Amino acid sequence: MDARDESHGRRHERVRLGGTALLIADPRFGLISAIGRLVDLSEGGCQLLVQRRVDAHLAARVRLDLAGKAMWFPAITRWIRRDSDGWRVGCAFDGLTAAKQEALRGALFELSLAREGH
């Protein structure tokens, strides 16, 4: 699973999906929370669509509702882009424990099976 996606230069395949997400970022002057939607997900990170601007390069925690479970992941906001529906935020997971990595892989596997209709 370490092969790069040739079209996007990514290390991990992204799964496009929906669902709710909560981003809590930690700038220097207090916490920022942004509720939104999960756009896509991979073992390396996720893309969120939120209604509030969040700066890039912030330490954050992301709560994702995956495969019927709410899971928290430590992350870094890597980029932000204005969108007609809000702000798109690219997050890279940062320092996942082995248990979190396994939970993420399991959720991605379940989501890919559900998308294929199994």
PDB file of N, CA and C in Angstrom:
ATOM      1  N   MET A   1       0.810  -1.200   0.000  1.00  0.00           N
ATOM      2  CA  MET A   1       0.000   0.000   0.000  1.00  0.00           C
ATOM      3  C   MET A   1       0.850   1.259   0.000  1.00  0.00           C
ATOM      4  N   ASP A   2       2.127   1.146  -0.261  1.00  0.00           N
ATOM      5  CA  ASP A   2       2.985   2.298  -0.250  1.00  0.00           C
ATOM      6  C   ASP A   2       3.215   2.856  -1.650  1.00  0.00           C
ATOM      7  N   ALA A   3       2.578   2.268  -2.628  1.00  0.00           N
ATOM      8  CA  ALA A   3       2.760   2.736  -4.010  1.00  0.00           C
ATOM      9  C   ALA A   3       2.096   4.094  -4.175  1.00  0.00           C
ATOM     10  N   ARG A   4       2.755   4.948  -4.913  1.00  0.00           N
ATOM     11  CA  ARG A   4       2.199   6.281  -5.156  1.00  0.00           C
ATOM     12  C   ARG A   4       1.135   6.224  -6.236  1.00  0.00           C
ATOM     13  N   ASP A   5       0.075   6.985  -6.034  1.00  0.00           N
ATOM     14  CA  ASP A   5      -0.964   7.165  -7.037  1.00  0.00           C
ATOM     15  C   ASP A   5      -0.360   8.060  -8.104  1.00  0.00           C
ATOM     16  N   GLU A   6      -0.125   7.513  -9.296  1.00  0.00           N
ATOM     17  CA  GLU A   6       0.589   8.220 -10.362  1.00  0.00           C
ATOM     18  C   GLU A   6      -0.073   9.544 -10.735  1.00  0.00           C
ATOM     19  N   SER A   7      -1.396   9.604 -10.743  1.00  0.00           N
ATOM     20  CA  SER A   7      -2.070  10.804 -11.207  1.00  0.00           C
ATOM     21  C   SER A   7      -2.000  11.950 -10.205  1.00  0.00           C
ATOM     22  N   HIS A   8      -1.777  11.667  -8.932  1.00  0.00           N
ATOM     23  CA  HIS A   8      -1.776  12.714  -7.930  1.00  0.00           C
ATOM     24  C   HIS A   8      -0.511  12.731  -7.078  1.00  0.00           C
ATOM     25  N   GLY A   9       0.438  11.829  -7.312  1.00  0.00           N
ATOM     26  CA  GLY A   9       1.645  11.791  -6.511  1.00  0.00           C
ATOM     27  C   GLY A   9       1.413  11.416  -5.070  1.00  0.00           C
ATOM     28  N   ARG A  10       0.341  10.703  -4.797  1.00  0.00           N
ATOM     29  CA  ARG A  10       0.007  10.326  -3.425  1.00  0.00           C
ATOM     30  C   ARG A  10       0.561   8.953  -3.103  1.00  0.00           C
ATOM     31  N   ARG A  11       0.862   8.774  -1.840  1.00  0.00           N
ATOM     32  CA  ARG A  11       1.381   7.488  -1.370  1.00  0.00           C
ATOM     33  C   ARG A  11       0.283   6.464  -1.159  1.00  0.00           C
ATOM     34  N   HIS A  12      -0.940   6.922  -0.856  1.00  0.00           N
ATOM     35  CA  HIS A  12      -2.031   6.014  -0.520  1.00  0.00           C
ATOM     36  C   HIS A  12      -3.253   6.307  -1.388  1.00  0.00           C
ATOM     37  N   GLU A  13      -3.950   5.266  -1.746  1.00  0.00           N
ATOM     38  CA  GLU A  13      -5.182   5.430  -2.511  1.00  0.00           C
ATOM     39  C   GLU A  13      -6.216   6.144  -1.653  1.00  0.00           C
ATOM     40  N   ARG A  14      -6.918   7.093  -2.255  1.00  0.00           N
ATOM     41  CA  ARG A  14      -7.964   7.828  -1.541  1.00  0.00           C
ATOM     42  C   ARG A  14      -9.319   7.227  -1.858  1.00  0.00           C
ATOM     43  N   VAL A  15     -10.155   7.158  -0.833  1.00  0.00           N
ATOM     44  CA  VAL A  15     -11.523   6.683  -0.973  1.00  0.00           C
ATOM     45  C   VAL A  15     -12.426   7.904  -0.870  1.00  0.00           C
ATOM     46  N   ARG A  16     -13.215   8.151  -1.913  1.00  0.00           N
ATOM     47  CA  ARG A  16     -14.139   9.281  -1.904  1.00  0.00           C
ATOM     48  C   ARG A  16     -15.421   8.854  -1.203  1.00  0.00           C
ATOM     49  N   LEU A  17     -15.857   9.679  -0.272  1.00  0.00           N
ATOM     50  CA  LEU A  17     -17.052   9.352   0.483  1.00  0.00           C
ATOM     51  C   LEU A  17     -17.615  10.589   1.125  1.00  0.00           C
ATOM     52  N   GLY A  18     -18.651  10.427   1.882  1.00  0.00           N
ATOM     53  CA  GLY A  18     -19.259  11.531   2.611  1.00  0.00           C
ATOM     54  C   GLY A  18     -19.196  11.225   4.094  1.00  0.00           C
ATOM     55  N   GLY A  19     -20.019  11.865   4.838  1.00  0.00           N
ATOM     56  CA  GLY A  19     -20.033  11.652   6.279  1.00  0.00           C
ATOM     57  C   GLY A  19     -19.590  12.904   6.999  1.00  0.00           C
ATOM     58  N   THR A  20     -19.881  12.945   8.280  1.00  0.00           N
ATOM     59  CA  THR A  20     -19.555  14.129   9.058  1.00  0.00           C
ATOM     60  C   THR A  20     -18.130  14.078   9.575  1.00  0.00           C
ATOM     61  N   ALA A  21     -17.606  15.261   9.816  1.00  0.00           N
ATOM     62  CA  ALA A  21     -16.252  15.388  10.341  1.00  0.00           C
ATOM     63  C   ALA A  21     -16.203  16.597  11.260  1.00  0.00           C
ATOM     64  N   LEU A  22     -15.307  16.531  12.218  1.00  0.00           N
ATOM     65  CA  LEU A  22     -15.044  17.658  13.104  1.00  0.00           C
ATOM     66  C   LEU A  22     -13.540  17.853  13.129  1.00  0.00           C
ATOM     67  N   LEU A  23     -13.117  19.073  12.888  1.00  0.00           N
ATOM     68  CA  LEU A  23     -11.699  19.426  12.902  1.00  0.00           C
ATOM     69  C   LEU A  23     -11.475  20.383  14.060  1.00  0.00           C
ATOM     70  N   ILE A  24     -10.531  20.058  14.922  1.00  0.00           N
ATOM     71  CA  ILE A  24     -10.135  20.960  16.001  1.00  0.00           C
ATOM     72  C   ILE A  24      -8.668  21.270  15.795  1.00  0.00           C
ATOM     73  N   ALA A  25      -8.375  22.527  15.475  1.00  0.00           N
ATOM     74  CA  ALA A  25      -7.008  22.958  15.199  1.00  0.00           C
ATOM     75  C   ALA A  25      -6.517  23.828  16.347  1.00  0.00           C
ATOM     76  N   ASP A  26      -5.206  23.879  16.478  1.00  0.00           N
ATOM     77  CA  ASP A  26      -4.599  24.575  17.602  1.00  0.00           C
ATOM     78  C   ASP A  26      -3.645  25.676  17.132  1.00  0.00           C
ATOM     79  N   PRO A  27      -4.202  26.844  16.745  1.00  0.00           N
ATOM     80  CA  PRO A  27      -3.308  27.961  16.439  1.00  0.00           C
ATOM     81  C   PRO A  27      -2.762  28.548  17.749  1.00  0.00           C
ATOM     82  N   ARG A  28      -1.946  29.540  17.650  1.00  0.00           N
ATOM     83  CA  ARG A  28      -1.290  30.082  18.844  1.00  0.00           C
ATOM     84  C   ARG A  28      -2.240  30.781  19.803  1.00  0.00           C
ATOM     85  N   PHE A  29      -3.406  31.198  19.349  1.00  0.00           N
ATOM     86  CA  PHE A  29      -4.279  32.020  20.195  1.00  0.00           C
ATOM     87  C   PHE A  29      -5.556  31.321  20.636  1.00  0.00           C
ATOM     88  N   GLY A  30      -5.588  30.005  20.687  1.00  0.00           N
ATOM     89  CA  GLY A  30      -6.767  29.276  21.150  1.00  0.00           C
ATOM     90  C   GLY A  30      -7.269  28.288  20.115  1.00  0.00           C
ATOM     91  N   LEU A  31      -8.063  27.352  20.558  1.00  0.00           N
ATOM     92  CA  LEU A  31      -8.560  26.292  19.677  1.00  0.00           C
ATOM     93  C   LEU A  31      -9.603  26.818  18.701  1.00  0.00           C
ATOM     94  N   ILE A  32      -9.603  26.233  17.499  1.00  0.00           N
ATOM     95  CA  ILE A  32     -10.604  26.508  16.469  1.00  0.00           C
ATOM     96  C   ILE A  32     -11.290  25.187  16.169  1.00  0.00           C
ATOM     97  N   SER A  33     -12.603  25.182  16.165  1.00  0.00           N
ATOM     98  CA  SER A  33     -13.307  23.970  15.751  1.00  0.00           C
ATOM     99  C   SER A  33     -14.125  24.275  14.505  1.00  0.00           C
ATOM    100  N   ALA A  34     -14.167  23.293  13.620  1.00  0.00           N
ATOM    101  CA  ALA A  34     -14.898  23.440  12.361  1.00  0.00           C
ATOM    102  C   ALA A  34     -15.621  22.131  12.066  1.00  0.00           C
ATOM    103  N   ILE A  35     -16.917  22.217  11.921  1.00  0.00           N
ATOM    104  CA  ILE A  35     -17.727  21.049  11.580  1.00  0.00           C
ATOM    105  C   ILE A  35     -17.873  21.015  10.071  1.00  0.00           C
ATOM    106  N   GLY A  36     -17.842  19.820   9.515  1.00  0.00           N
ATOM    107  CA  GLY A  36     -17.974  19.726   8.073  1.00  0.00           C
ATOM    108  C   GLY A  36     -18.240  18.327   7.599  1.00  0.00           C
ATOM    109  N   ARG A  37     -17.774  18.079   6.376  1.00  0.00           N
ATOM    110  CA  ARG A  37     -18.034  16.819   5.693  1.00  0.00           C
ATOM    111  C   ARG A  37     -16.710  16.212   5.256  1.00  0.00           C
ATOM    112  N   LEU A  38     -16.613  14.914   5.386  1.00  0.00           N
ATOM    113  CA  LEU A  38     -15.452  14.177   4.908  1.00  0.00           C
ATOM    114  C   LEU A  38     -15.590  14.000   3.400  1.00  0.00           C
ATOM    115  N   VAL A  39     -14.596  14.476   2.648  1.00  0.00           N
ATOM    116  CA  VAL A  39     -14.620  14.377   1.193  1.00  0.00           C
ATOM    117  C   VAL A  39     -13.931  13.102   0.732  1.00  0.00           C
ATOM    118  N   ASP A  40     -12.706  12.892   1.199  1.00  0.00           N
ATOM    119  CA  ASP A  40     -12.004  11.645   0.881  1.00  0.00           C
ATOM    120  C   ASP A  40     -11.038  11.303   2.003  1.00  0.00           C
ATOM    121  N   LEU A  41     -10.566  10.055   1.951  1.00  0.00           N
ATOM    122  CA  LEU A  41      -9.789   9.494   3.045  1.00  0.00           C
ATOM    123  C   LEU A  41      -8.777   8.507   2.504  1.00  0.00           C
ATOM    124  N   SER A  42      -7.593   8.502   3.097  1.00  0.00           N
ATOM    125  CA  SER A  42      -6.585   7.489   2.789  1.00  0.00           C
ATOM    126  C   SER A  42      -5.874   7.145   4.089  1.00  0.00           C
ATOM    127  N   GLU A  43      -4.947   6.213   4.020  1.00  0.00           N
ATOM    128  CA  GLU A  43      -4.180   5.880   5.212  1.00  0.00           C
ATOM    129  C   GLU A  43      -3.303   7.040   5.650  1.00  0.00           C
ATOM    130  N   GLY A  44      -3.005   7.964   4.745  1.00  0.00           N
ATOM    131  CA  GLY A  44      -2.125   9.079   5.064  1.00  0.00           C
ATOM    132  C   GLY A  44      -2.814  10.351   5.509  1.00  0.00           C
ATOM    133  N   GLY A  45      -4.112  10.477   5.219  1.00  0.00           N
ATOM    134  CA  GLY A  45      -4.799  11.706   5.594  1.00  0.00           C
ATOM    135  C   GLY A  45      -6.205  11.774   5.041  1.00  0.00           C
ATOM    136  N   CYS A  46      -6.758  12.968   5.068  1.00  0.00           N
ATOM    137  CA  CYS A  46      -8.131  13.152   4.603  1.00  0.00           C
ATOM    138  C   CYS A  46      -8.313  14.562   4.066  1.00  0.00           C
ATOM    139  N   GLN A  47      -9.391  14.729   3.323  1.00  0.00           N
ATOM    140  CA  GLN A  47      -9.798  16.039   2.834  1.00  0.00           C
ATOM    141  C   GLN A  47     -11.173  16.321   3.415  1.00  0.00           C
ATOM    142  N   LEU A  48     -11.313  17.497   3.997  1.00  0.00           N
ATOM    143  CA  LEU A  48     -12.569  17.892   4.623  1.00  0.00           C
ATOM    144  C   LEU A  48     -13.123  19.125   3.925  1.00  0.00           C
ATOM    145  N   LEU A  49     -14.434  19.256   3.952  1.00  0.00           N
ATOM    146  CA  LEU A  49     -15.102  20.477   3.511  1.00  0.00           C
ATOM    147  C   LEU A  49     -15.751  21.072   4.750  1.00  0.00           C
ATOM    148  N   VAL A  50     -15.267  22.226   5.180  1.00  0.00           N
ATOM    149  CA  VAL A  50     -15.769  22.860   6.398  1.00  0.00           C
ATOM    150  C   VAL A  50     -16.299  24.248   6.080  1.00  0.00           C
ATOM    151  N   GLN A  51     -17.066  24.810   6.995  1.00  0.00           N
ATOM    152  CA  GLN A  51     -17.688  26.108   6.772  1.00  0.00           C
ATOM    153  C   GLN A  51     -16.857  27.262   7.328  1.00  0.00           C
ATOM    154  N   ARG A  52     -15.743  26.951   7.949  1.00  0.00           N
ATOM    155  CA  ARG A  52     -14.913  27.967   8.582  1.00  0.00           C
ATOM    156  C   ARG A  52     -13.488  27.877   8.057  1.00  0.00           C
ATOM    157  N   ARG A  53     -12.860  29.000   7.831  1.00  0.00           N
ATOM    158  CA  ARG A  53     -11.469  29.003   7.377  1.00  0.00           C
ATOM    159  C   ARG A  53     -10.556  28.533   8.505  1.00  0.00           C
ATOM    160  N   VAL A  54      -9.640  27.662   8.147  1.00  0.00           N
ATOM    161  CA  VAL A  54      -8.637  27.146   9.071  1.00  0.00           C
ATOM    162  C   VAL A  54      -7.296  27.295   8.373  1.00  0.00           C
ATOM    163  N   ASP A  55      -6.302  27.770   9.073  1.00  0.00           N
ATOM    164  CA  ASP A  55      -4.986  27.956   8.460  1.00  0.00           C
ATOM    165  C   ASP A  55      -4.289  26.623   8.197  1.00  0.00           C
ATOM    166  N   ALA A  56      -3.370  26.645   7.255  1.00  0.00           N
ATOM    167  CA  ALA A  56      -2.525  25.481   6.976  1.00  0.00           C
ATOM    168  C   ALA A  56      -1.415  25.403   8.021  1.00  0.00           C
ATOM    169  N   HIS A  57      -0.841  24.226   8.148  1.00  0.00           N
ATOM    170  CA  HIS A  57       0.319  23.967   9.010  1.00  0.00           C
ATOM    171  C   HIS A  57       0.007  24.081  10.496  1.00  0.00           C
ATOM    172  N   LEU A  58      -1.205  23.678  10.890  1.00  0.00           N
ATOM    173  CA  LEU A  58      -1.579  23.676  12.300  1.00  0.00           C
ATOM    174  C   LEU A  58      -1.687  22.250  12.812  1.00  0.00           C
ATOM    175  N   ALA A  59      -1.302  22.054  14.056  1.00  0.00           N
ATOM    176  CA  ALA A  59      -1.577  20.773  14.719  1.00  0.00           C
ATOM    177  C   ALA A  59      -3.078  20.693  14.928  1.00  0.00           C
ATOM    178  N   ALA A  60      -3.640  19.510  14.697  1.00  0.00           N
ATOM    179  CA  ALA A  60      -5.096  19.367  14.779  1.00  0.00           C
ATOM    180  C   ALA A  60      -5.465  17.960  15.222  1.00  0.00           C
ATOM    181  N   ARG A  61      -6.740  17.809  15.527  1.00  0.00           N
ATOM    182  CA  ARG A  61      -7.347  16.498  15.741  1.00  0.00           C
ATOM    183  C   ARG A  61      -8.573  16.465  14.849  1.00  0.00           C
ATOM    184  N   VAL A  62      -8.792  15.329  14.221  1.00  0.00           N
ATOM    185  CA  VAL A  62      -9.921  15.167  13.305  1.00  0.00           C
ATOM    186  C   VAL A  62     -10.790  14.028  13.814  1.00  0.00           C
ATOM    187  N   ARG A  63     -12.078  14.306  13.967  1.00  0.00           N
ATOM    188  CA  ARG A  63     -13.028  13.257  14.331  1.00  0.00           C
ATOM    189  C   ARG A  63     -13.809  12.884  13.085  1.00  0.00           C
ATOM    190  N   LEU A  64     -13.714  11.612  12.716  1.00  0.00           N
ATOM    191  CA  LEU A  64     -14.403  11.104  11.539  1.00  0.00           C
ATOM    192  C   LEU A  64     -15.371  10.015  11.956  1.00  0.00           C
ATOM    193  N   ASP A  65     -16.534  10.013  11.345  1.00  0.00           N
ATOM    194  CA  ASP A  65     -17.496   8.937  11.554  1.00  0.00           C
ATOM    195  C   ASP A  65     -17.299   7.931  10.442  1.00  0.00           C
ATOM    196  N   LEU A  66     -16.624   6.812  10.760  1.00  0.00           N
ATOM    197  CA  LEU A  66     -16.256   5.804   9.772  1.00  0.00           C
ATOM    198  C   LEU A  66     -16.827   4.453  10.139  1.00  0.00           C
ATOM    199  N   ALA A  67     -17.458   3.824   9.171  1.00  0.00           N
ATOM    200  CA  ALA A  67     -17.984   2.473   9.346  1.00  0.00           C
ATOM    201  C   ALA A  67     -18.786   2.353  10.642  1.00  0.00           C
ATOM    202  N   GLY A  68     -19.583   3.383  10.923  1.00  0.00           N
ATOM    203  CA  GLY A  68     -20.442   3.344  12.095  1.00  0.00           C
ATOM    204  C   GLY A  68     -19.748   3.678  13.406  1.00  0.00           C
ATOM    205  N   LYS A  69     -18.498   4.104  13.355  1.00  0.00           N
ATOM    206  CA  LYS A  69     -17.755   4.437  14.571  1.00  0.00           C
ATOM    207  C   LYS A  69     -17.172   5.833  14.449  1.00  0.00           C
ATOM    208  N   ALA A  70     -17.190   6.565  15.548  1.00  0.00           N
ATOM    209  CA  ALA A  70     -16.513   7.866  15.582  1.00  0.00           C
ATOM    210  C   ALA A  70     -15.078   7.621  16.027  1.00  0.00           C
ATOM    211  N   MET A  71     -14.130   8.125  15.241  1.00  0.00           N
ATOM    212  CA  MET A  71     -12.716   7.940  15.556  1.00  0.00           C
ATOM    213  C   MET A  71     -11.995   9.277  15.494  1.00  0.00           C
ATOM    214  N   TRP A  72     -11.080   9.491  16.423  1.00  0.00           N
ATOM    215  CA  TRP A  72     -10.237  10.687  16.460  1.00  0.00           C
ATOM    216  C   TRP A  72      -8.854  10.359  15.931  1.00  0.00           C
ATOM    217  N   PHE A  73      -8.296  11.270  15.130  1.00  0.00           N
ATOM    218  CA  PHE A  73      -6.958  11.088  14.577  1.00  0.00           C
ATOM    219  C   PHE A  73      -6.155  12.379  14.750  1.00  0.00           C
ATOM    220  N   PRO A  74      -4.891  12.276  15.186  1.00  0.00           N
ATOM    221  CA  PRO A  74      -4.033  13.454  15.209  1.00  0.00           C
ATOM    222  C   PRO A  74      -3.625  13.797  13.777  1.00  0.00           C
ATOM    223  N   ALA A  75      -3.559  15.082  13.479  1.00  0.00           N
ATOM    224  CA  ALA A  75      -3.278  15.485  12.093  1.00  0.00           C
ATOM    225  C   ALA A  75      -2.577  16.844  12.063  1.00  0.00           C
ATOM    226  N   ILE A  76      -2.106  17.177  10.877  1.00  0.00           N
ATOM    227  CA  ILE A  76      -1.566  18.499  10.561  1.00  0.00           C
ATOM    228  C   ILE A  76      -2.366  19.018   9.369  1.00  0.00           C
ATOM    229  N   THR A  77      -2.848  20.250   9.455  1.00  0.00           N
ATOM    230  CA  THR A  77      -3.520  20.838   8.289  1.00  0.00           C
ATOM    231  C   THR A  77      -2.432  21.207   7.285  1.00  0.00           C
ATOM    232  N   ARG A  78      -2.492  20.625   6.100  1.00  0.00           N
ATOM    233  CA  ARG A  78      -1.441  20.838   5.098  1.00  0.00           C
ATOM    234  C   ARG A  78      -1.761  21.951   4.115  1.00  0.00           C
ATOM    235  N   TRP A  79      -3.019  22.048   3.716  1.00  0.00           N
ATOM    236  CA  TRP A  79      -3.408  23.074   2.750  1.00  0.00           C
ATOM    237  C   TRP A  79      -4.879  23.428   2.949  1.00  0.00           C
ATOM    238  N   ILE A  80      -5.252  24.575   2.413  1.00  0.00           N
ATOM    239  CA  ILE A  80      -6.646  25.026   2.471  1.00  0.00           C
ATOM    240  C   ILE A  80      -6.978  25.729   1.154  1.00  0.00           C
ATOM    241  N   ARG A  81      -8.189  25.479   0.659  1.00  0.00           N
ATOM    242  CA  ARG A  81      -8.641  26.111  -0.589  1.00  0.00           C
ATOM    243  C   ARG A  81     -10.085  26.569  -0.416  1.00  0.00           C
ATOM    244  N   ARG A  82     -10.374  27.755  -0.908  1.00  0.00           N
ATOM    245  CA  ARG A  82     -11.749  28.260  -0.898  1.00  0.00           C
ATOM    246  C   ARG A  82     -12.559  27.440  -1.880  1.00  0.00           C
ATOM    247  N   ASP A  83     -13.764  27.112  -1.508  1.00  0.00           N
ATOM    248  CA  ASP A  83     -14.674  26.317  -2.331  1.00  0.00           C
ATOM    249  C   ASP A  83     -16.021  27.028  -2.308  1.00  0.00           C
ATOM    250  N   SER A  84     -16.839  26.806  -3.323  1.00  0.00           N
ATOM    251  CA  SER A  84     -18.153  27.454  -3.347  1.00  0.00           C
ATOM    252  C   SER A  84     -19.017  27.039  -2.160  1.00  0.00           C
ATOM    253  N   ASP A  85     -18.726  25.878  -1.563  1.00  0.00           N
ATOM    254  CA  ASP A  85     -19.498  25.393  -0.414  1.00  0.00           C
ATOM    255  C   ASP A  85     -18.813  25.639   0.918  1.00  0.00           C
ATOM    256  N   GLY A  86     -17.659  26.276   0.938  1.00  0.00           N
ATOM    257  CA  GLY A  86     -16.935  26.511   2.185  1.00  0.00           C
ATOM    258  C   GLY A  86     -15.439  26.476   1.938  1.00  0.00           C
ATOM    259  N   TRP A  87     -14.717  25.752   2.773  1.00  0.00           N
ATOM    260  CA  TRP A  87     -13.266  25.636   2.691  1.00  0.00           C
ATOM    261  C   TRP A  87     -12.885  24.170   2.638  1.00  0.00           C
ATOM    262  N   ARG A  88     -12.027  23.818   1.696  1.00  0.00           N
ATOM    263  CA  ARG A  88     -11.473  22.463   1.632  1.00  0.00           C
ATOM    264  C   ARG A  88     -10.152  22.474   2.385  1.00  0.00           C
ATOM    265  N   VAL A  89      -9.998  21.505   3.280  1.00  0.00           N
ATOM    266  CA  VAL A  89      -8.802  21.421   4.109  1.00  0.00           C
ATOM    267  C   VAL A  89      -8.186  20.042   3.908  1.00  0.00           C
ATOM    268  N   GLY A  90      -6.926  20.023   3.523  1.00  0.00           N
ATOM    269  CA  GLY A  90      -6.184  18.771   3.403  1.00  0.00           C
ATOM    270  C   GLY A  90      -5.430  18.521   4.692  1.00  0.00           C
ATOM    271  N   CYS A  91      -5.674  17.380   5.298  1.00  0.00           N
ATOM    272  CA  CYS A  91      -5.041  17.015   6.566  1.00  0.00           C
ATOM    273  C   CYS A  91      -4.181  15.771   6.377  1.00  0.00           C
ATOM    274  N   ALA A  92      -2.989  15.800   6.937  1.00  0.00           N
ATOM    275  CA  ALA A  92      -2.118  14.620   6.947  1.00  0.00           C
ATOM    276  C   ALA A  92      -2.141  14.066   8.364  1.00  0.00           C
ATOM    277  N   PHE A  93      -2.408  12.765   8.480  1.00  0.00           N
ATOM    278  CA  PHE A  93      -2.378  12.155   9.805  1.00  0.00           C
ATOM    279  C   PHE A  93      -0.954  12.209  10.323  1.00  0.00           C
ATOM    280  N   ASP A  94      -0.816  12.438  11.616  1.00  0.00           N
ATOM    281  CA  ASP A  94       0.498  12.681  12.193  1.00  0.00           C
ATOM    282  C   ASP A  94       0.661  11.885  13.486  1.00  0.00           C
ATOM    283  N   GLY A  95       1.590  10.950  13.466  1.00  0.00           N
ATOM    284  CA  GLY A  95       1.894  10.202  14.680  1.00  0.00           C
ATOM    285  C   GLY A  95       0.812   9.223  15.108  1.00  0.00           C
ATOM    286  N   LEU A  96       0.204   8.541  14.141  1.00  0.00           N
ATOM    287  CA  LEU A  96      -0.814   7.555  14.491  1.00  0.00           C
ATOM    288  C   LEU A  96      -0.183   6.390  15.245  1.00  0.00           C
ATOM    289  N   THR A  97      -0.842   5.961  16.302  1.00  0.00           N
ATOM    290  CA  THR A  97      -0.399   4.764  17.004  1.00  0.00           C
ATOM    291  C   THR A  97      -0.697   3.555  16.132  1.00  0.00           C
ATOM    292  N   ALA A  98      -0.108   2.425  16.469  1.00  0.00           N
ATOM    293  CA  ALA A  98      -0.379   1.190  15.722  1.00  0.00           C
ATOM    294  C   ALA A  98      -1.864   0.847  15.778  1.00  0.00           C
ATOM    295  N   ALA A  99      -2.492   1.076  16.911  1.00  0.00           N
ATOM    296  CA  ALA A  99      -3.924   0.782  17.057  1.00  0.00           C
ATOM    297  C   ALA A  99      -4.766   1.683  16.159  1.00  0.00           C
ATOM    298  N   LYS A 100      -4.399   2.975  16.080  1.00  0.00           N
ATOM    299  CA  LYS A 100      -5.134   3.900  15.200  1.00  0.00           C
ATOM    300  C   LYS A 100      -4.931   3.536  13.730  1.00  0.00           C
ATOM    301  N   GLN A 101      -3.702   3.165  13.359  1.00  0.00           N
ATOM    302  CA  GLN A 101      -3.438   2.757  11.974  1.00  0.00           C
ATOM    303  C   GLN A 101      -4.276   1.532  11.614  1.00  0.00           C
ATOM    304  N   GLU A 102      -4.334   0.576  12.522  1.00  0.00           N
ATOM    305  CA  GLU A 102      -5.112  -0.639  12.273  1.00  0.00           C
ATOM    306  C   GLU A 102      -6.605  -0.321  12.164  1.00  0.00           C
ATOM    307  N   ALA A 103      -7.109   0.549  13.040  1.00  0.00           N
ATOM    308  CA  ALA A 103      -8.519   0.945  12.986  1.00  0.00           C
ATOM    309  C   ALA A 103      -8.827   1.659  11.677  1.00  0.00           C
ATOM    310  N   LEU A 104      -7.914   2.516  11.230  1.00  0.00           N
ATOM    311  CA  LEU A 104      -8.101   3.238   9.972  1.00  0.00           C
ATOM    312  C   LEU A 104      -8.105   2.270   8.790  1.00  0.00           C
ATOM    313  N   ARG A 105      -7.153   1.352   8.766  1.00  0.00           N
ATOM    314  CA  ARG A 105      -7.118   0.351   7.683  1.00  0.00           C
ATOM    315  C   ARG A 105      -8.398  -0.480   7.661  1.00  0.00           C
ATOM    316  N   GLY A 106      -8.863  -0.892   8.843  1.00  0.00           N
ATOM    317  CA  GLY A 106     -10.103  -1.668   8.923  1.00  0.00           C
ATOM    318  C   GLY A 106     -11.295  -0.884   8.398  1.00  0.00           C
ATOM    319  N   ALA A 107     -11.383   0.389   8.767  1.00  0.00           N
ATOM    320  CA  ALA A 107     -12.489   1.226   8.293  1.00  0.00           C
ATOM    321  C   ALA A 107     -12.418   1.426   6.786  1.00  0.00           C
ATOM    322  N   LEU A 108     -11.215   1.653   6.262  1.00  0.00           N
ATOM    323  CA  LEU A 108     -11.058   1.811   4.810  1.00  0.00           C
ATOM    324  C   LEU A 108     -11.456   0.533   4.077  1.00  0.00           C
ATOM    325  N   PHE A 109     -11.095  -0.611   4.634  1.00  0.00           N
ATOM    326  CA  PHE A 109     -11.459  -1.891   4.025  1.00  0.00           C
ATOM    327  C   PHE A 109     -12.978  -2.050   4.014  1.00  0.00           C
ATOM    328  N   GLU A 110     -13.636  -1.775   5.147  1.00  0.00           N
ATOM    329  CA  GLU A 110     -15.100  -1.877   5.208  1.00  0.00           C
ATOM    330  C   GLU A 110     -15.766  -0.913   4.237  1.00  0.00           C
ATOM    331  N   LEU A 111     -15.231   0.308   4.154  1.00  0.00           N
ATOM    332  CA  LEU A 111     -15.805   1.294   3.231  1.00  0.00           C
ATOM    333  C   LEU A 111     -15.639   0.875   1.782  1.00  0.00           C
ATOM    334  N   SER A 112     -14.488   0.282   1.443  1.00  0.00           N
ATOM    335  CA  SER A 112     -14.285  -0.138   0.059  1.00  0.00           C
ATOM    336  C   SER A 112     -15.201  -1.312  -0.280  1.00  0.00           C
ATOM    337  N   LEU A 113     -15.450  -2.206   0.675  1.00  0.00           N
ATOM    338  CA  LEU A 113     -16.387  -3.304   0.428  1.00  0.00           C
ATOM    339  C   LEU A 113     -17.802  -2.769   0.226  1.00  0.00           C
ATOM    340  N   ALA A 114     -18.188  -1.803   1.044  1.00  0.00           N
ATOM    341  CA  ALA A 114     -19.534  -1.222   0.938  1.00  0.00           C
ATOM    342  C   ALA A 114     -19.711  -0.526  -0.408  1.00  0.00           C
ATOM    343  N   ARG A 115     -18.672   0.160  -0.884  1.00  0.00           N
ATOM    344  CA  ARG A 115     -18.749   0.846  -2.179  1.00  0.00           C
ATOM    345  C   ARG A 115     -18.876  -0.146  -3.329  1.00  0.00           C
ATOM    346  N   GLU A 116     -18.270  -1.320  -3.182  1.00  0.00           N
ATOM    347  CA  GLU A 116     -18.340  -2.321  -4.234  1.00  0.00           C
ATOM    348  C   GLU A 116     -19.621  -3.141  -4.166  1.00  0.00           C
ATOM    349  N   GLY A 117     -20.433  -2.902  -3.120  1.00  0.00           N
ATOM    350  CA  GLY A 117     -21.702  -3.594  -3.005  1.00  0.00           C
ATOM    351  C   GLY A 117     -21.635  -4.974  -2.403  1.00  0.00           C
ATOM    352  N   HIS A 118     -20.599  -5.263  -1.627  1.00  0.00           N
ATOM    353  CA  HIS A 118     -20.487  -6.570  -0.963  1.00  0.00           C
ATOM    354  C   HIS A 118     -21.226  -6.590   0.341  1.00  0.00           C
TER     355      HIS A 118
END
